[in-house]
Amino acid sequence: MPGDAYYTAHTGHFEWYTPKDLLEKCRFALGGAINLDPFSHVNANESVCADVFLTAEDDALLCDWPVVETMFANPPYALGLIGKCCRRIEQEWRAGTFQRGIVMVNNATETIWFQQMLGISSMLCLPSRRINFLNEHRQLTIQRNSRGQAIFGLGIDEERFVEGFRDVGAILKTR
């Protein structure tokens, strides 16, 4: 689909977990808890600690999402899948499935899905350096990430978002 493509490192691994320090910042910005992680893994939830998490087997693109206060998503960055994940996040946001959310994606401003996230967010953090994610063995990956990231805040308290991410990178109000 035009506008959906982006560069990927083609590592063959699709399980990349968010570092604990960044998860703490997300949790703080959300008000203290993560109620839902719709694109997760059992291993990832050991750090995310979401009340409810959906795995690939649950298929968050098709199943019903529970109505919650907070949602955190670090969806799979696989070509063709990231756009579907972002469309589903937008759909659930507009339906009122969650009140506050944080979505972490690659900084691919030219893509349709990035523009969708920008259109529904109120805050955006552009990290000043690439995030070193954890691999499937929960080991820190150094210099494996080929792109910068963007962290979107949906329905988020601006002061908490700024306080949580001020040392991560530039923070922009999108609305």
C-alpha atoms as a PDB file:
ATOM      1  CA  MET A   1       0.000   0.000   0.000  1.00  0.00           C
ATOM      2  CA  PRO A   2       1.523   3.392  -0.953  1.00  0.00           C
ATOM      3  CA  GLY A   3       2.571   5.440   2.045  1.00  0.00           C
ATOM      4  CA  ASP A   4       2.648   2.391   4.320  1.00  0.00           C
ATOM      5  CA  ALA A   5       6.209   1.288   3.584  1.00  0.00           C
ATOM      6  CA  TYR A   6       9.240   2.126   5.670  1.00  0.00           C
ATOM      7  CA  TYR A   7      12.749   0.862   6.139  1.00  0.00           C
ATOM      8  CA  THR A   8      13.332  -2.041   8.523  1.00  0.00           C
ATOM      9  CA  ALA A   9      16.537  -3.775   9.568  1.00  0.00           C
ATOM     10  CA  HIS A  10      15.171  -7.189   8.482  1.00  0.00           C
ATOM     11  CA  THR A  11      16.569  -8.961  11.519  1.00  0.00           C
ATOM     12  CA  GLY A  12      14.025 -11.777  11.326  1.00  0.00           C
ATOM     13  CA  HIS A  13      13.011 -11.129  14.934  1.00  0.00           C
ATOM     14  CA  PHE A  14       9.687  -9.484  15.679  1.00  0.00           C
ATOM     15  CA  GLU A  15       9.797  -9.628  19.476  1.00  0.00           C
ATOM     16  CA  TRP A  16      11.510  -6.447  20.671  1.00  0.00           C
ATOM     17  CA  TYR A  17      10.646  -5.357  24.195  1.00  0.00           C
ATOM     18  CA  THR A  18      10.550  -1.882  25.692  1.00  0.00           C
ATOM     19  CA  PRO A  19      13.319  -1.165  28.230  1.00  0.00           C
ATOM     20  CA  LYS A  20      12.136  -0.978  31.862  1.00  0.00           C
ATOM     21  CA  ASP A  21      13.256   2.635  32.377  1.00  0.00           C
ATOM     22  CA  LEU A  22      11.141   3.761  29.422  1.00  0.00           C
ATOM     23  CA  LEU A  23       8.191   1.697  30.654  1.00  0.00           C
ATOM     24  CA  GLU A  24       8.400   3.505  34.000  1.00  0.00           C
ATOM     25  CA  LYS A  25       8.165   6.831  32.162  1.00  0.00           C
ATOM     26  CA  CYS A  26       5.136   5.553  30.218  1.00  0.00           C
ATOM     27  CA  ARG A  27       3.487   4.273  33.382  1.00  0.00           C
ATOM     28  CA  PHE A  28       4.074   7.632  35.111  1.00  0.00           C
ATOM     29  CA  ALA A  29       2.665   9.600  32.165  1.00  0.00           C
ATOM     30  CA  LEU A  30      -0.425   7.367  32.147  1.00  0.00           C
ATOM     31  CA  GLY A  31      -1.099   8.090  35.804  1.00  0.00           C
ATOM     32  CA  GLY A  32       0.607   5.106  37.417  1.00  0.00           C
ATOM     33  CA  ALA A  33      -0.753   1.989  35.726  1.00  0.00           C
ATOM     34  CA  ILE A  34      -0.970   0.266  32.364  1.00  0.00           C
ATOM     35  CA  ASN A  35      -4.353  -1.418  32.043  1.00  0.00           C
ATOM     36  CA  LEU A  36      -3.985  -2.787  28.502  1.00  0.00           C
ATOM     37  CA  ASP A  37      -1.090  -3.741  26.228  1.00  0.00           C
ATOM     38  CA  PRO A  38      -2.782  -4.958  23.035  1.00  0.00           C
ATOM     39  CA  PHE A  39       0.325  -6.030  21.085  1.00  0.00           C
ATOM     40  CA  SER A  40       2.338  -7.909  23.658  1.00  0.00           C
ATOM     41  CA  HIS A  41       3.966 -11.157  24.667  1.00  0.00           C
ATOM     42  CA  VAL A  42       4.085 -13.106  27.926  1.00  0.00           C
ATOM     43  CA  ASN A  43       7.775 -12.205  28.335  1.00  0.00           C
ATOM     44  CA  ALA A  44       7.146  -8.525  27.611  1.00  0.00           C
ATOM     45  CA  ASN A  45       4.416  -8.308  30.215  1.00  0.00           C
ATOM     46  CA  GLU A  46       6.892  -9.260  32.929  1.00  0.00           C
ATOM     47  CA  SER A  47       8.145  -5.677  32.555  1.00  0.00           C
ATOM     48  CA  VAL A  48       5.040  -3.931  31.226  1.00  0.00           C
ATOM     49  CA  CYS A  49       2.861  -5.324  34.033  1.00  0.00           C
ATOM     50  CA  ALA A  50      -0.380  -4.583  32.170  1.00  0.00           C
ATOM     51  CA  ASP A  51      -3.581  -5.704  33.835  1.00  0.00           C
ATOM     52  CA  VAL A  52      -4.606  -7.213  30.477  1.00  0.00           C
ATOM     53  CA  PHE A  53      -2.286  -7.996  27.574  1.00  0.00           C
ATOM     54  CA  LEU A  54      -3.025  -9.497  24.194  1.00  0.00           C
ATOM     55  CA  THR A  55      -0.539 -11.726  22.387  1.00  0.00           C
ATOM     56  CA  ALA A  56      -0.168 -12.683  18.731  1.00  0.00           C
ATOM     57  CA  GLU A  57      -2.352 -15.704  19.487  1.00  0.00           C
ATOM     58  CA  ASP A  58      -5.124 -13.399  20.780  1.00  0.00           C
ATOM     59  CA  ASP A  59      -4.807 -11.309  17.591  1.00  0.00           C
ATOM     60  CA  ALA A  60      -5.513  -7.746  18.735  1.00  0.00           C
ATOM     61  CA  LEU A  61      -6.408  -6.847  15.149  1.00  0.00           C
ATOM     62  CA  LEU A  62      -9.504  -9.049  15.338  1.00  0.00           C
ATOM     63  CA  CYS A  63     -10.495  -9.647  18.961  1.00  0.00           C
ATOM     64  CA  ASP A  64     -12.527  -7.341  21.177  1.00  0.00           C
ATOM     65  CA  TRP A  65     -10.486  -5.053  23.404  1.00  0.00           C
ATOM     66  CA  PRO A  66     -11.617  -4.549  26.986  1.00  0.00           C
ATOM     67  CA  VAL A  67     -12.714  -1.055  27.978  1.00  0.00           C
ATOM     68  CA  VAL A  68      -9.956   0.382  30.181  1.00  0.00           C
ATOM     69  CA  GLU A  69      -8.559   3.651  31.439  1.00  0.00           C
ATOM     70  CA  THR A  70      -5.013   3.310  30.107  1.00  0.00           C
ATOM     71  CA  MET A  71      -3.377   1.609  27.137  1.00  0.00           C
ATOM     72  CA  PHE A  72       0.290   1.209  26.198  1.00  0.00           C
ATOM     73  CA  ALA A  73       1.326  -0.069  22.780  1.00  0.00           C
ATOM     74  CA  ASN A  74       4.704  -0.836  21.274  1.00  0.00           C
ATOM     75  CA  PRO A  75       3.225  -2.609  18.249  1.00  0.00           C
ATOM     76  CA  PRO A  76       5.238  -4.862  15.949  1.00  0.00           C
ATOM     77  CA  TYR A  77       7.176  -2.809  13.425  1.00  0.00           C
ATOM     78  CA  ALA A  78       6.925  -5.449  10.694  1.00  0.00           C
ATOM     79  CA  LEU A  79       6.161  -4.106   7.235  1.00  0.00           C
ATOM     80  CA  GLY A  80       2.435  -4.318   6.539  1.00  0.00           C
ATOM     81  CA  LEU A  81       1.601  -5.030  10.181  1.00  0.00           C
ATOM     82  CA  ILE A  82       2.432  -1.684  11.786  1.00  0.00           C
ATOM     83  CA  GLY A  83      -0.143   0.142   9.679  1.00  0.00           C
ATOM     84  CA  LYS A  84      -2.862  -2.333  10.658  1.00  0.00           C
ATOM     85  CA  CYS A  85      -1.930  -1.991  14.332  1.00  0.00           C
ATOM     86  CA  CYS A  86      -2.076   1.803  14.187  1.00  0.00           C
ATOM     87  CA  ARG A  87      -5.430   1.720  12.395  1.00  0.00           C
ATOM     88  CA  ARG A  88      -6.779  -0.546  15.149  1.00  0.00           C
ATOM     89  CA  ILE A  89      -5.426   1.764  17.866  1.00  0.00           C
ATOM     90  CA  GLU A  90      -7.116   4.718  16.164  1.00  0.00           C
ATOM     91  CA  GLN A  91     -10.366   2.759  15.860  1.00  0.00           C
ATOM     92  CA  GLU A  92     -10.339   1.809  19.559  1.00  0.00           C
ATOM     93  CA  TRP A  93      -9.406   5.364  20.612  1.00  0.00           C
ATOM     94  CA  ARG A  94     -12.318   6.830  18.662  1.00  0.00           C
ATOM     95  CA  ALA A  95     -14.649   4.162  20.119  1.00  0.00           C
ATOM     96  CA  GLY A  96     -13.644   5.189  23.653  1.00  0.00           C
ATOM     97  CA  THR A  97     -12.100   1.821  24.525  1.00  0.00           C
ATOM     98  CA  PHE A  98      -9.328   3.596  26.468  1.00  0.00           C
ATOM     99  CA  GLN A  99      -9.141   7.086  27.991  1.00  0.00           C
ATOM    100  CA  ARG A 100      -5.363   7.626  27.961  1.00  0.00           C
ATOM    101  CA  GLY A 101      -2.763   5.947  25.826  1.00  0.00           C
ATOM    102  CA  ILE A 102       0.886   5.884  24.900  1.00  0.00           C
ATOM    103  CA  VAL A 103       1.944   4.497  21.544  1.00  0.00           C
ATOM    104  CA  MET A 104       5.589   3.970  20.632  1.00  0.00           C
ATOM    105  CA  VAL A 105       6.422   3.539  16.948  1.00  0.00           C
ATOM    106  CA  ASN A 106       9.256   4.182  14.546  1.00  0.00           C
ATOM    107  CA  ASN A 107       9.671   7.792  13.542  1.00  0.00           C
ATOM    108  CA  ALA A 108       8.410   7.330   9.994  1.00  0.00           C
ATOM    109  CA  THR A 109       6.684  10.664   9.472  1.00  0.00           C
ATOM    110  CA  GLU A 110       5.946   9.992   5.800  1.00  0.00           C
ATOM    111  CA  THR A 111       3.745   6.971   6.429  1.00  0.00           C
ATOM    112  CA  ILE A 112      -0.023   6.907   6.610  1.00  0.00           C
ATOM    113  CA  TRP A 113       0.011   5.155   9.991  1.00  0.00           C
ATOM    114  CA  PHE A 114       2.349   7.752  11.533  1.00  0.00           C
ATOM    115  CA  GLN A 115       0.064  10.523  10.327  1.00  0.00           C
ATOM    116  CA  GLN A 116      -2.923   8.634  11.823  1.00  0.00           C
ATOM    117  CA  MET A 117      -1.190   8.535  15.212  1.00  0.00           C
ATOM    118  CA  LEU A 118      -0.305  12.206  14.903  1.00  0.00           C
ATOM    119  CA  GLY A 119      -3.952  12.994  14.132  1.00  0.00           C
ATOM    120  CA  ILE A 120      -5.287  11.433  17.329  1.00  0.00           C
ATOM    121  CA  SER A 121      -2.514  12.349  19.755  1.00  0.00           C
ATOM    122  CA  SER A 122      -2.235  15.421  21.928  1.00  0.00           C
ATOM    123  CA  MET A 123       1.452  15.066  22.824  1.00  0.00           C
ATOM    124  CA  LEU A 124       4.533  13.703  21.080  1.00  0.00           C
ATOM    125  CA  CYS A 125       8.037  12.917  22.306  1.00  0.00           C
ATOM    126  CA  LEU A 126      10.815  12.600  19.751  1.00  0.00           C
ATOM    127  CA  PRO A 127      13.652  10.800  21.551  1.00  0.00           C
ATOM    128  CA  SER A 128      17.066  12.405  21.129  1.00  0.00           C
ATOM    129  CA  ARG A 129      18.642   9.010  20.473  1.00  0.00           C
ATOM    130  CA  ARG A 130      17.530   5.632  19.195  1.00  0.00           C
ATOM    131  CA  ILE A 131      16.020   3.345  21.778  1.00  0.00           C
ATOM    132  CA  ASN A 132      17.893   0.128  22.472  1.00  0.00           C
ATOM    133  CA  PHE A 133      15.123  -2.431  22.839  1.00  0.00           C
ATOM    134  CA  LEU A 134      15.414  -5.808  24.529  1.00  0.00           C
ATOM    135  CA  ASN A 135      15.585  -8.913  22.363  1.00  0.00           C
ATOM    136  CA  GLU A 136      13.582 -12.113  22.820  1.00  0.00           C
ATOM    137  CA  HIS A 137      16.044 -13.158  25.571  1.00  0.00           C
ATOM    138  CA  ARG A 138      15.429  -9.815  27.319  1.00  0.00           C
ATOM    139  CA  GLN A 139      18.977  -8.694  26.614  1.00  0.00           C
ATOM    140  CA  LEU A 140      19.635  -5.079  25.709  1.00  0.00           C
ATOM    141  CA  THR A 141      20.294  -4.672  22.003  1.00  0.00           C
ATOM    142  CA  ILE A 142      23.041  -2.198  21.296  1.00  0.00           C
ATOM    143  CA  GLN A 143      22.988  -0.402  17.941  1.00  0.00           C
ATOM    144  CA  ARG A 144      20.486  -2.817  16.368  1.00  0.00           C
ATOM    145  CA  ASN A 145      17.753  -0.256  15.972  1.00  0.00           C
ATOM    146  CA  SER A 146      17.935   1.297  12.523  1.00  0.00           C
ATOM    147  CA  ARG A 147      15.400   4.098  13.110  1.00  0.00           C
ATOM    148  CA  GLY A 148      14.486   6.716  15.629  1.00  0.00           C
ATOM    149  CA  GLN A 149      11.248   6.416  17.551  1.00  0.00           C
ATOM    150  CA  ALA A 150       8.259   8.569  18.357  1.00  0.00           C
ATOM    151  CA  ILE A 151       6.189   8.329  21.523  1.00  0.00           C
ATOM    152  CA  PHE A 152       2.595   9.516  21.161  1.00  0.00           C
ATOM    153  CA  GLY A 153       0.372  10.544  24.061  1.00  0.00           C
ATOM    154  CA  LEU A 154      -3.393  10.202  23.523  1.00  0.00           C
ATOM    155  CA  GLY A 155      -5.730  11.925  25.979  1.00  0.00           C
ATOM    156  CA  ILE A 156      -2.731  12.348  28.219  1.00  0.00           C
ATOM    157  CA  ASP A 157      -2.170  14.859  31.021  1.00  0.00           C
ATOM    158  CA  GLU A 158       0.316  17.286  29.461  1.00  0.00           C
ATOM    159  CA  GLU A 159       2.235  18.007  32.654  1.00  0.00           C
ATOM    160  CA  ARG A 160       2.706  14.322  33.464  1.00  0.00           C
ATOM    161  CA  PHE A 161       3.792  13.595  29.884  1.00  0.00           C
ATOM    162  CA  VAL A 162       6.347  16.422  29.974  1.00  0.00           C
ATOM    163  CA  GLU A 163       7.624  15.392  33.397  1.00  0.00           C
ATOM    164  CA  GLY A 164       7.843  11.745  32.375  1.00  0.00           C
ATOM    165  CA  PHE A 165       9.651  12.260  29.074  1.00  0.00           C
ATOM    166  CA  ARG A 166      11.583  15.534  29.480  1.00  0.00           C
ATOM    167  CA  ASP A 167      14.924  13.726  29.633  1.00  0.00           C
ATOM    168  CA  VAL A 168      14.075  11.482  26.665  1.00  0.00           C
ATOM    169  CA  GLY A 169      13.852  14.088  23.910  1.00  0.00           C
ATOM    170  CA  ALA A 170      11.912  16.940  22.379  1.00  0.00           C
ATOM    171  CA  ILE A 171       8.288  17.176  23.485  1.00  0.00           C
ATOM    172  CA  LEU A 172       5.655  18.688  21.243  1.00  0.00           C
ATOM    173  CA  LYS A 173       2.038  19.512  21.791  1.00  0.00           C
ATOM    174  CA  THR A 174       0.168  18.273  18.719  1.00  0.00           C
ATOM    175  CA  ARG A 175      -3.204  19.919  19.375  1.00  0.00           C
END
